[in-house]
């Protein structure tokens, strides 16, 4: 007699729907134009597909760690969807993971990342169209808000639903965005010269300055 084990996974239609929603949403803000843009966006899209494949399709991470998870948390049913919020389970918020600190922080990071993308790409597009240096909006605080936005979104999803695949992809993608940022800086330096040097000297690459250093910059 076969015993059917209930599982909240195998919902591949949700994998497709959620992947398309977030990919199209990000695409509407960060419309790729060059081959370099497409590479960075494609890597981000692959991250989302890998994430939602484990979130709704097949929980590869839970399967690979099932022995350790089962011995450490014998009372948890890891075939239940909520148990996939591993950080909340490990730190004692498994009963209501959607209200746990990691999950709430993920909402802030994901929303903040998309807002940053929405505010930065329009400014960058107009600056490129006019062949000017983008220095307004988010570009006033950091030199690469578009890549910072992607990193914020990925970090948020990792807090919400960490997987072995996306954890392995994350540093690779961050390194890719860092390389793309440096290439863009070389092109901007060649095109704008001293104006870009002054801008780069007082504007950090990814993380905005705070405190006295930020005040000194604004007063400059």
C-alpha atoms as a PDB file:
ATOM      1  CA  UNK A   1       0.000   0.000   0.000  1.00  0.00           C
ATOM      2  CA  UNK A   2       1.410   3.372  -1.045  1.00  0.00           C
ATOM      3  CA  UNK A   3       1.167   6.219   1.420  1.00  0.00           C
ATOM      4  CA  UNK A   4       0.744   9.585  -0.271  1.00  0.00           C
ATOM      5  CA  UNK A   5       2.669  12.327   1.483  1.00  0.00           C
ATOM      6  CA  UNK A   6       1.080  15.732   1.194  1.00  0.00           C
ATOM      7  CA  UNK A   7       3.328  18.506  -0.001  1.00  0.00           C
ATOM      8  CA  UNK A   8       2.843  22.202  -0.634  1.00  0.00           C
ATOM      9  CA  UNK A   9       5.263  22.036  -3.574  1.00  0.00           C
ATOM     10  CA  UNK A  10       5.000  20.974  -7.210  1.00  0.00           C
ATOM     11  CA  UNK A  11       3.112  24.172  -8.054  1.00  0.00           C
ATOM     12  CA  UNK A  12       4.983  24.896 -11.274  1.00  0.00           C
ATOM     13  CA  UNK A  13       2.302  27.239 -12.566  1.00  0.00           C
ATOM     14  CA  UNK A  14       3.099  29.515  -9.605  1.00  0.00           C
ATOM     15  CA  UNK A  15       6.796  29.292 -10.459  1.00  0.00           C
ATOM     16  CA  UNK A  16       6.035  30.598 -13.954  1.00  0.00           C
ATOM     17  CA  UNK A  17       3.573  33.262 -12.784  1.00  0.00           C
ATOM     18  CA  UNK A  18       5.775  34.686 -10.010  1.00  0.00           C
ATOM     19  CA  UNK A  19       8.904  34.600 -12.173  1.00  0.00           C
ATOM     20  CA  UNK A  20       7.148  36.463 -14.979  1.00  0.00           C
ATOM     21  CA  UNK A  21       5.620  39.045 -12.631  1.00  0.00           C
ATOM     22  CA  UNK A  22       8.921  40.027 -11.027  1.00  0.00           C
ATOM     23  CA  UNK A  23      10.980  39.764 -14.226  1.00  0.00           C
ATOM     24  CA  UNK A  24       8.536  41.887 -16.234  1.00  0.00           C
ATOM     25  CA  UNK A  25       8.245  44.335 -13.333  1.00  0.00           C
ATOM     26  CA  UNK A  26      12.026  44.720 -13.171  1.00  0.00           C
ATOM     27  CA  UNK A  27      12.251  44.917 -16.973  1.00  0.00           C
ATOM     28  CA  UNK A  28       9.801  47.817 -17.044  1.00  0.00           C
ATOM     29  CA  UNK A  29      12.213  49.816 -14.855  1.00  0.00           C
ATOM     30  CA  UNK A  30      15.539  48.587 -16.200  1.00  0.00           C
ATOM     31  CA  UNK A  31      14.941  48.190 -19.928  1.00  0.00           C
ATOM     32  CA  UNK A  32      18.148  46.584 -21.250  1.00  0.00           C
ATOM     33  CA  UNK A  33      19.626  48.207 -24.331  1.00  0.00           C
ATOM     34  CA  UNK A  34      23.214  47.048 -24.706  1.00  0.00           C
ATOM     35  CA  UNK A  35      24.614  43.505 -24.604  1.00  0.00           C
ATOM     36  CA  UNK A  36      26.051  44.398 -21.197  1.00  0.00           C
ATOM     37  CA  UNK A  37      22.605  45.417 -19.935  1.00  0.00           C
ATOM     38  CA  UNK A  38      21.105  42.165 -21.179  1.00  0.00           C
ATOM     39  CA  UNK A  39      23.778  40.090 -19.440  1.00  0.00           C
ATOM     40  CA  UNK A  40      23.189  41.776 -16.100  1.00  0.00           C
ATOM     41  CA  UNK A  41      19.416  41.556 -16.422  1.00  0.00           C
ATOM     42  CA  UNK A  42      19.572  37.940 -17.613  1.00  0.00           C
ATOM     43  CA  UNK A  43      21.591  36.946 -14.556  1.00  0.00           C
ATOM     44  CA  UNK A  44      19.058  38.683 -12.310  1.00  0.00           C
ATOM     45  CA  UNK A  45      16.199  36.869 -14.082  1.00  0.00           C
ATOM     46  CA  UNK A  46      17.994  33.521 -13.611  1.00  0.00           C
ATOM     47  CA  UNK A  47      18.276  34.262  -9.885  1.00  0.00           C
ATOM     48  CA  UNK A  48      14.508  34.823  -9.674  1.00  0.00           C
ATOM     49  CA  UNK A  49      13.686  31.654 -11.617  1.00  0.00           C
ATOM     50  CA  UNK A  50      15.975  29.594  -9.369  1.00  0.00           C
ATOM     51  CA  UNK A  51      14.383  31.144  -6.285  1.00  0.00           C
ATOM     52  CA  UNK A  52      10.750  30.565  -7.277  1.00  0.00           C
ATOM     53  CA  UNK A  53      11.538  27.055  -8.547  1.00  0.00           C
ATOM     54  CA  UNK A  54      12.444  26.118  -4.981  1.00  0.00           C
ATOM     55  CA  UNK A  55       9.773  28.264  -3.380  1.00  0.00           C
ATOM     56  CA  UNK A  56       6.890  26.621  -5.260  1.00  0.00           C
ATOM     57  CA  UNK A  57       8.284  23.826  -7.443  1.00  0.00           C
ATOM     58  CA  UNK A  58      10.832  21.485  -5.902  1.00  0.00           C
ATOM     59  CA  UNK A  59      12.492  22.361  -2.542  1.00  0.00           C
ATOM     60  CA  UNK A  60      16.003  21.251  -3.491  1.00  0.00           C
ATOM     61  CA  UNK A  61      17.651  22.911  -0.492  1.00  0.00           C
ATOM     62  CA  UNK A  62      15.261  21.291   1.984  1.00  0.00           C
ATOM     63  CA  UNK A  63      15.748  17.948   0.243  1.00  0.00           C
ATOM     64  CA  UNK A  64      19.553  18.159   0.426  1.00  0.00           C
ATOM     65  CA  UNK A  65      19.483  19.323   4.056  1.00  0.00           C
ATOM     66  CA  UNK A  66      16.609  17.067   5.101  1.00  0.00           C
ATOM     67  CA  UNK A  67      18.763  14.879   7.366  1.00  0.00           C
ATOM     68  CA  UNK A  68      20.186  17.793   9.317  1.00  0.00           C
ATOM     69  CA  UNK A  69      16.889  19.711   9.397  1.00  0.00           C
ATOM     70  CA  UNK A  70      14.929  16.642  10.509  1.00  0.00           C
ATOM     71  CA  UNK A  71      17.304  15.904  13.389  1.00  0.00           C
ATOM     72  CA  UNK A  72      17.569  19.550  14.475  1.00  0.00           C
ATOM     73  CA  UNK A  73      13.878  20.423  14.109  1.00  0.00           C
ATOM     74  CA  UNK A  74      11.942  17.131  14.424  1.00  0.00           C
ATOM     75  CA  UNK A  75       8.679  18.950  15.149  1.00  0.00           C
ATOM     76  CA  UNK A  76       8.730  20.862  11.828  1.00  0.00           C
ATOM     77  CA  UNK A  77       7.009  19.529   8.701  1.00  0.00           C
ATOM     78  CA  UNK A  78       9.440  20.692   6.029  1.00  0.00           C
ATOM     79  CA  UNK A  79       7.054  19.730   3.237  1.00  0.00           C
ATOM     80  CA  UNK A  80       4.799  22.542   4.440  1.00  0.00           C
ATOM     81  CA  UNK A  81       5.361  25.786   2.544  1.00  0.00           C
ATOM     82  CA  UNK A  82       5.927  27.973   5.595  1.00  0.00           C
ATOM     83  CA  UNK A  83       8.878  25.814   6.657  1.00  0.00           C
ATOM     84  CA  UNK A  84      10.747  27.015   3.594  1.00  0.00           C
ATOM     85  CA  UNK A  85      11.355  30.280   5.425  1.00  0.00           C
ATOM     86  CA  UNK A  86      14.423  28.663   6.920  1.00  0.00           C
ATOM     87  CA  UNK A  87      15.805  31.705   8.731  1.00  0.00           C
ATOM     88  CA  UNK A  88      12.514  32.221  10.544  1.00  0.00           C
ATOM     89  CA  UNK A  89      12.400  28.525  11.474  1.00  0.00           C
ATOM     90  CA  UNK A  90      16.008  28.488  12.698  1.00  0.00           C
ATOM     91  CA  UNK A  91      15.574  31.613  14.816  1.00  0.00           C
ATOM     92  CA  UNK A  92      12.252  30.642  16.372  1.00  0.00           C
ATOM     93  CA  UNK A  93       9.703  32.451  14.193  1.00  0.00           C
ATOM     94  CA  UNK A  94       8.487  29.336  12.379  1.00  0.00           C
ATOM     95  CA  UNK A  95       4.943  29.521  13.768  1.00  0.00           C
ATOM     96  CA  UNK A  96       4.292  32.761  11.900  1.00  0.00           C
ATOM     97  CA  UNK A  97       7.175  33.271   9.453  1.00  0.00           C
ATOM     98  CA  UNK A  98       5.452  36.033   7.488  1.00  0.00           C
ATOM     99  CA  UNK A  99       5.628  38.273  10.561  1.00  0.00           C
ATOM    100  CA  UNK A 100       9.182  37.321  11.491  1.00  0.00           C
ATOM    101  CA  UNK A 101      11.992  39.908  11.416  1.00  0.00           C
ATOM    102  CA  UNK A 102      13.769  38.401   8.404  1.00  0.00           C
ATOM    103  CA  UNK A 103      10.583  38.294   6.357  1.00  0.00           C
ATOM    104  CA  UNK A 104       9.647  41.867   7.238  1.00  0.00           C
ATOM    105  CA  UNK A 105      13.179  43.049   6.443  1.00  0.00           C
ATOM    106  CA  UNK A 106      12.916  41.278   3.088  1.00  0.00           C
ATOM    107  CA  UNK A 107       9.816  43.303   2.207  1.00  0.00           C
ATOM    108  CA  UNK A 108      11.669  46.534   2.958  1.00  0.00           C
ATOM    109  CA  UNK A 109      14.679  45.547   0.845  1.00  0.00           C
ATOM    110  CA  UNK A 110      12.652  44.250  -2.101  1.00  0.00           C
ATOM    111  CA  UNK A 111      10.365  47.286  -2.179  1.00  0.00           C
ATOM    112  CA  UNK A 112      13.324  49.636  -1.682  1.00  0.00           C
ATOM    113  CA  UNK A 113      15.227  47.957  -4.499  1.00  0.00           C
ATOM    114  CA  UNK A 114      12.368  48.323  -6.966  1.00  0.00           C
ATOM    115  CA  UNK A 115      11.816  51.953  -5.926  1.00  0.00           C
ATOM    116  CA  UNK A 116      15.514  52.642  -6.464  1.00  0.00           C
ATOM    117  CA  UNK A 117      15.340  51.037  -9.916  1.00  0.00           C
ATOM    118  CA  UNK A 118      12.247  53.034 -10.821  1.00  0.00           C
ATOM    119  CA  UNK A 119      13.818  56.343  -9.776  1.00  0.00           C
ATOM    120  CA  UNK A 120      17.255  55.765 -11.287  1.00  0.00           C
ATOM    121  CA  UNK A 121      16.688  54.286 -14.741  1.00  0.00           C
ATOM    122  CA  UNK A 122      14.552  57.168 -15.994  1.00  0.00           C
ATOM    123  CA  UNK A 123      17.210  59.661 -14.932  1.00  0.00           C
ATOM    124  CA  UNK A 124      19.963  57.566 -16.529  1.00  0.00           C
ATOM    125  CA  UNK A 125      18.008  57.229 -19.786  1.00  0.00           C
ATOM    126  CA  UNK A 126      17.468  60.987 -20.052  1.00  0.00           C
ATOM    127  CA  UNK A 127      21.111  61.694 -19.258  1.00  0.00           C
ATOM    128  CA  UNK A 128      22.270  59.226 -21.915  1.00  0.00           C
ATOM    129  CA  UNK A 129      19.857  60.672 -24.450  1.00  0.00           C
ATOM    130  CA  UNK A 130      21.251  64.157 -23.824  1.00  0.00           C
ATOM    131  CA  UNK A 131      24.815  62.830 -23.552  1.00  0.00           C
ATOM    132  CA  UNK A 132      25.080  64.270 -20.051  1.00  0.00           C
ATOM    133  CA  UNK A 133      26.346  62.915 -16.756  1.00  0.00           C
ATOM    134  CA  UNK A 134      23.571  61.544 -14.511  1.00  0.00           C
ATOM    135  CA  UNK A 135      23.978  63.268 -11.143  1.00  0.00           C
ATOM    136  CA  UNK A 136      20.419  63.912  -9.929  1.00  0.00           C
ATOM    137  CA  UNK A 137      17.978  61.812  -7.923  1.00  0.00           C
ATOM    138  CA  UNK A 138      19.595  58.631  -6.584  1.00  0.00           C
ATOM    139  CA  UNK A 139      22.723  59.442  -8.614  1.00  0.00           C
ATOM    140  CA  UNK A 140      23.325  62.342  -6.270  1.00  0.00           C
ATOM    141  CA  UNK A 141      23.967  59.836  -3.441  1.00  0.00           C
ATOM    142  CA  UNK A 142      25.543  56.846  -5.209  1.00  0.00           C
ATOM    143  CA  UNK A 143      27.110  56.295  -8.624  1.00  0.00           C
ATOM    144  CA  UNK A 144      25.331  53.030  -9.481  1.00  0.00           C
ATOM    145  CA  UNK A 145      21.823  53.004  -7.976  1.00  0.00           C
ATOM    146  CA  UNK A 146      20.554  50.600 -10.650  1.00  0.00           C
ATOM    147  CA  UNK A 147      22.968  47.860  -9.586  1.00  0.00           C
ATOM    148  CA  UNK A 148      22.431  48.684  -5.915  1.00  0.00           C
ATOM    149  CA  UNK A 149      18.700  48.170  -6.535  1.00  0.00           C
ATOM    150  CA  UNK A 150      19.256  44.697  -8.002  1.00  0.00           C
ATOM    151  CA  UNK A 151      21.481  43.753  -5.056  1.00  0.00           C
ATOM    152  CA  UNK A 152      18.878  44.994  -2.561  1.00  0.00           C
ATOM    153  CA  UNK A 153      16.148  42.916  -4.216  1.00  0.00           C
ATOM    154  CA  UNK A 154      18.287  39.769  -4.246  1.00  0.00           C
ATOM    155  CA  UNK A 155      19.277  40.299  -0.608  1.00  0.00           C
ATOM    156  CA  UNK A 156      15.624  40.680   0.326  1.00  0.00           C
ATOM    157  CA  UNK A 157      14.682  37.428  -1.382  1.00  0.00           C
ATOM    158  CA  UNK A 158      17.576  35.628   0.321  1.00  0.00           C
ATOM    159  CA  UNK A 159      16.319  36.774   3.720  1.00  0.00           C
ATOM    160  CA  UNK A 160      12.825  35.614   2.841  1.00  0.00           C
ATOM    161  CA  UNK A 161      13.634  32.275   1.229  1.00  0.00           C
ATOM    162  CA  UNK A 162      17.320  31.238   1.326  1.00  0.00           C
ATOM    163  CA  UNK A 163      18.356  28.390  -0.973  1.00  0.00           C
ATOM    164  CA  UNK A 164      21.698  26.783  -1.718  1.00  0.00           C
ATOM    165  CA  UNK A 165      21.454  27.703  -5.409  1.00  0.00           C
ATOM    166  CA  UNK A 166      20.642  31.376  -4.878  1.00  0.00           C
ATOM    167  CA  UNK A 167      23.242  31.645  -2.091  1.00  0.00           C
ATOM    168  CA  UNK A 168      25.818  30.356  -4.573  1.00  0.00           C
ATOM    169  CA  UNK A 169      24.580  32.728  -7.297  1.00  0.00           C
ATOM    170  CA  UNK A 170      24.486  35.822  -5.093  1.00  0.00           C
ATOM    171  CA  UNK A 171      28.257  36.535  -4.764  1.00  0.00           C
ATOM    172  CA  UNK A 172      28.718  35.790  -8.474  1.00  0.00           C
ATOM    173  CA  UNK A 173      26.030  38.318  -9.385  1.00  0.00           C
ATOM    174  CA  UNK A 174      27.420  40.926  -6.988  1.00  0.00           C
ATOM    175  CA  UNK A 175      30.852  40.459  -8.572  1.00  0.00           C
ATOM    176  CA  UNK A 176      29.283  40.800 -12.027  1.00  0.00           C
ATOM    177  CA  UNK A 177      27.563  44.057 -11.066  1.00  0.00           C
ATOM    178  CA  UNK A 178      30.811  45.348  -9.567  1.00  0.00           C
ATOM    179  CA  UNK A 179      32.652  44.630 -12.820  1.00  0.00           C
ATOM    180  CA  UNK A 180      29.896  46.247 -14.876  1.00  0.00           C
ATOM    181  CA  UNK A 181      30.007  49.310 -12.620  1.00  0.00           C
ATOM    182  CA  UNK A 182      33.762  49.646 -13.101  1.00  0.00           C
ATOM    183  CA  UNK A 183      33.444  49.320 -16.865  1.00  0.00           C
ATOM    184  CA  UNK A 184      30.785  52.008 -16.913  1.00  0.00           C
ATOM    185  CA  UNK A 185      33.061  54.241 -14.863  1.00  0.00           C
ATOM    186  CA  UNK A 186      35.884  53.819 -17.388  1.00  0.00           C
ATOM    187  CA  UNK A 187      33.522  54.775 -20.217  1.00  0.00           C
ATOM    188  CA  UNK A 188      32.174  57.749 -18.265  1.00  0.00           C
ATOM    189  CA  UNK A 189      35.687  58.915 -17.453  1.00  0.00           C
ATOM    190  CA  UNK A 190      36.656  58.711 -21.119  1.00  0.00           C
ATOM    191  CA  UNK A 191      33.540  60.655 -22.150  1.00  0.00           C
ATOM    192  CA  UNK A 192      33.255  63.260 -19.396  1.00  0.00           C
ATOM    193  CA  UNK A 193      36.830  63.503 -18.138  1.00  0.00           C
ATOM    194  CA  UNK A 194      37.384  65.873 -15.230  1.00  0.00           C
ATOM    195  CA  UNK A 195      33.651  66.341 -14.627  1.00  0.00           C
ATOM    196  CA  UNK A 196      33.311  62.638 -13.875  1.00  0.00           C
ATOM    197  CA  UNK A 197      36.431  62.649 -11.708  1.00  0.00           C
ATOM    198  CA  UNK A 198      34.909  65.359  -9.516  1.00  0.00           C
ATOM    199  CA  UNK A 199      31.606  63.503  -9.362  1.00  0.00           C
ATOM    200  CA  UNK A 200      33.244  60.180  -8.444  1.00  0.00           C
ATOM    201  CA  UNK A 201      35.439  61.836  -5.813  1.00  0.00           C
ATOM    202  CA  UNK A 202      32.435  62.979  -3.779  1.00  0.00           C
ATOM    203  CA  UNK A 203      29.897  60.245  -4.606  1.00  0.00           C
ATOM    204  CA  UNK A 204      30.302  56.638  -3.338  1.00  0.00           C
ATOM    205  CA  UNK A 205      29.808  53.706  -5.668  1.00  0.00           C
ATOM    206  CA  UNK A 206      27.030  51.666  -4.000  1.00  0.00           C
ATOM    207  CA  UNK A 207      26.514  52.731  -0.385  1.00  0.00           C
ATOM    208  CA  UNK A 208      25.564  56.336   0.424  1.00  0.00           C
ATOM    209  CA  UNK A 209      27.541  58.250   3.006  1.00  0.00           C
ATOM    210  CA  UNK A 210      25.927  59.209   6.293  1.00  0.00           C
ATOM    211  CA  UNK A 211      26.843  61.451   9.179  1.00  0.00           C
ATOM    212  CA  UNK A 212      29.496  64.151   8.976  1.00  0.00           C
ATOM    213  CA  UNK A 213      30.882  62.867   5.679  1.00  0.00           C
ATOM    214  CA  UNK A 214      27.480  63.194   4.003  1.00  0.00           C
ATOM    215  CA  UNK A 215      27.078  66.710   5.452  1.00  0.00           C
ATOM    216  CA  UNK A 216      30.474  67.676   4.126  1.00  0.00           C
ATOM    217  CA  UNK A 217      29.576  66.356   0.692  1.00  0.00           C
ATOM    218  CA  UNK A 218      26.267  68.253   0.576  1.00  0.00           C
ATOM    219  CA  UNK A 219      28.034  71.404   1.619  1.00  0.00           C
ATOM    220  CA  UNK A 220      30.621  71.022  -1.107  1.00  0.00           C
END
